[in-house]
Amino acid sequence: MRMLISYQTNIRNAKDLQRKNINEILTDIQKGKYKNEIDELRKLGKNSNEFKELKNSLPYFVPALFKDNERKKDKLERTQYLLFDIDEKQFKEANITISGL
């Protein structure tokens, strides 16, 4: 099954999104394509400038498609998924652990 998602090379770029098959993204993750960068992020500590720069340089994907390939709420074309955007702060505030999900 071919499920298309929106992909971009870094979070600062919300325009010119690429449409990719989700299996391609998952294969890259499974093969460790971003492992070195993720390991470095874990070492740096979230409050450092280096952390923010490295995190912002990583590619991102959104399980949705956008009109004109631009990531904006008013340009959402469609999604086949229910989306949740939960970060560590929200987990702590709700007293939820990842293992408890």
Protein backbone atom coordinates (compact mmCIF):
# COMPACT_ATOMS: atom_id res chain seq x y z
CA MET A 1 0.00 0.00 0.00
CA ARG A 2 1.31 3.44 -0.92
CA MET A 3 0.67 6.06 1.77
CA LEU A 4 2.00 9.49 0.91
CA ILE A 5 3.16 11.96 3.56
CA SER A 6 4.80 15.38 3.46
CA TYR A 7 8.56 15.55 4.00
CA GLN A 8 11.09 18.36 4.23
CA THR A 9 14.81 18.50 4.92
CA ASN A 10 14.57 20.76 7.99
CA ILE A 11 11.89 22.24 10.24
CA ARG A 12 12.65 25.83 9.23
CA ASN A 13 11.42 25.14 5.72
CA ALA A 14 7.63 24.91 5.54
CA LYS A 15 7.49 25.40 1.78
CA ASP A 16 8.30 23.10 -1.11
CA LEU A 17 7.34 19.97 0.80
CA GLN A 18 8.09 16.69 -0.91
CA ARG A 19 5.56 13.90 -1.05
CA LYS A 20 7.11 10.61 -0.01
CA ASN A 21 5.91 7.13 0.70
CA ILE A 22 5.78 6.57 4.47
CA ASN A 23 7.54 3.22 4.00
CA GLU A 24 10.59 5.04 2.63
CA ILE A 25 10.77 7.24 5.74
CA LEU A 26 10.30 4.31 8.10
CA THR A 27 13.00 2.31 6.30
CA ASP A 28 15.45 5.22 6.70
CA ILE A 29 14.68 5.35 10.43
CA GLN A 30 15.00 1.58 10.85
CA LYS A 31 18.33 1.53 9.00
CA GLY A 32 19.71 4.21 11.30
CA LYS A 33 19.99 7.01 8.75
CA TYR A 34 19.56 9.62 11.52
CA LYS A 35 21.07 7.63 14.40
CA ASN A 36 24.25 9.70 14.77
CA GLU A 37 22.31 12.97 14.91
CA ILE A 38 19.79 11.56 17.40
CA ASP A 39 22.57 10.19 19.62
CA GLU A 40 24.29 13.60 19.54
CA LEU A 41 21.01 15.33 20.50
CA ARG A 42 20.65 13.03 23.49
CA LYS A 43 24.15 13.94 24.68
CA LEU A 44 23.82 17.71 24.27
CA GLY A 45 20.99 18.59 26.62
CA LYS A 46 17.84 20.36 25.50
CA ASN A 47 18.78 23.83 26.67
CA SER A 48 21.93 24.21 24.61
CA ASN A 49 22.10 26.23 21.41
CA GLU A 50 23.83 23.29 19.71
CA PHE A 51 20.82 21.10 20.54
CA LYS A 52 18.40 23.58 18.97
CA GLU A 53 20.52 24.00 15.84
CA LEU A 54 20.97 20.26 15.33
CA LYS A 55 17.32 19.49 16.00
CA ASN A 56 16.21 22.17 13.55
CA SER A 57 18.53 20.76 10.90
CA LEU A 58 16.94 17.31 10.97
CA PRO A 59 14.37 16.38 8.35
CA TYR A 60 10.75 16.11 9.40
CA PHE A 61 7.64 14.47 8.09
CA VAL A 62 3.96 15.14 8.57
CA PRO A 63 1.41 12.37 8.00
CA ALA A 64 -0.69 14.68 5.84
CA LEU A 65 -0.66 16.33 2.44
CA PHE A 66 -0.85 20.09 1.88
CA LYS A 67 -2.04 22.22 -1.03
CA ASP A 68 0.79 23.90 -2.91
CA ASN A 69 3.19 21.73 -0.86
CA GLU A 70 3.24 24.32 1.92
CA ARG A 71 2.83 23.35 5.60
CA LYS A 72 0.10 25.70 6.81
CA LYS A 73 -3.14 24.89 8.63
CA ASP A 74 -5.26 26.53 5.96
CA LYS A 75 -3.53 24.45 3.26
CA LEU A 76 -4.17 21.04 4.77
CA GLU A 77 -5.39 18.88 1.92
CA ARG A 78 -5.96 15.55 3.58
CA THR A 79 -4.73 13.05 6.09
CA GLN A 80 -5.44 9.38 6.58
CA TYR A 81 -4.33 9.49 10.18
CA LEU A 82 -5.30 10.86 13.55
CA LEU A 83 -2.51 13.25 14.52
CA PHE A 84 -1.13 13.88 18.00
CA ASP A 85 1.67 16.32 18.72
CA ILE A 86 2.78 15.61 22.27
CA ASP A 87 6.12 16.70 23.62
CA GLU A 88 7.95 15.82 26.80
CA LYS A 89 6.60 18.86 28.67
CA GLN A 90 3.01 17.81 28.00
CA PHE A 91 3.78 14.27 29.17
CA LYS A 92 5.17 15.61 32.44
CA GLU A 93 2.24 17.98 32.96
CA ALA A 94 -0.22 15.14 32.44
CA ASN A 95 1.90 12.80 34.59
CA ILE A 96 2.16 10.27 31.76
CA THR A 97 5.12 8.02 31.07
CA ILE A 98 5.82 6.64 27.62
CA SER A 99 5.87 3.11 29.04
CA GLY A 100 2.35 3.76 30.35
CA LEU A 101 0.92 4.32 26.89
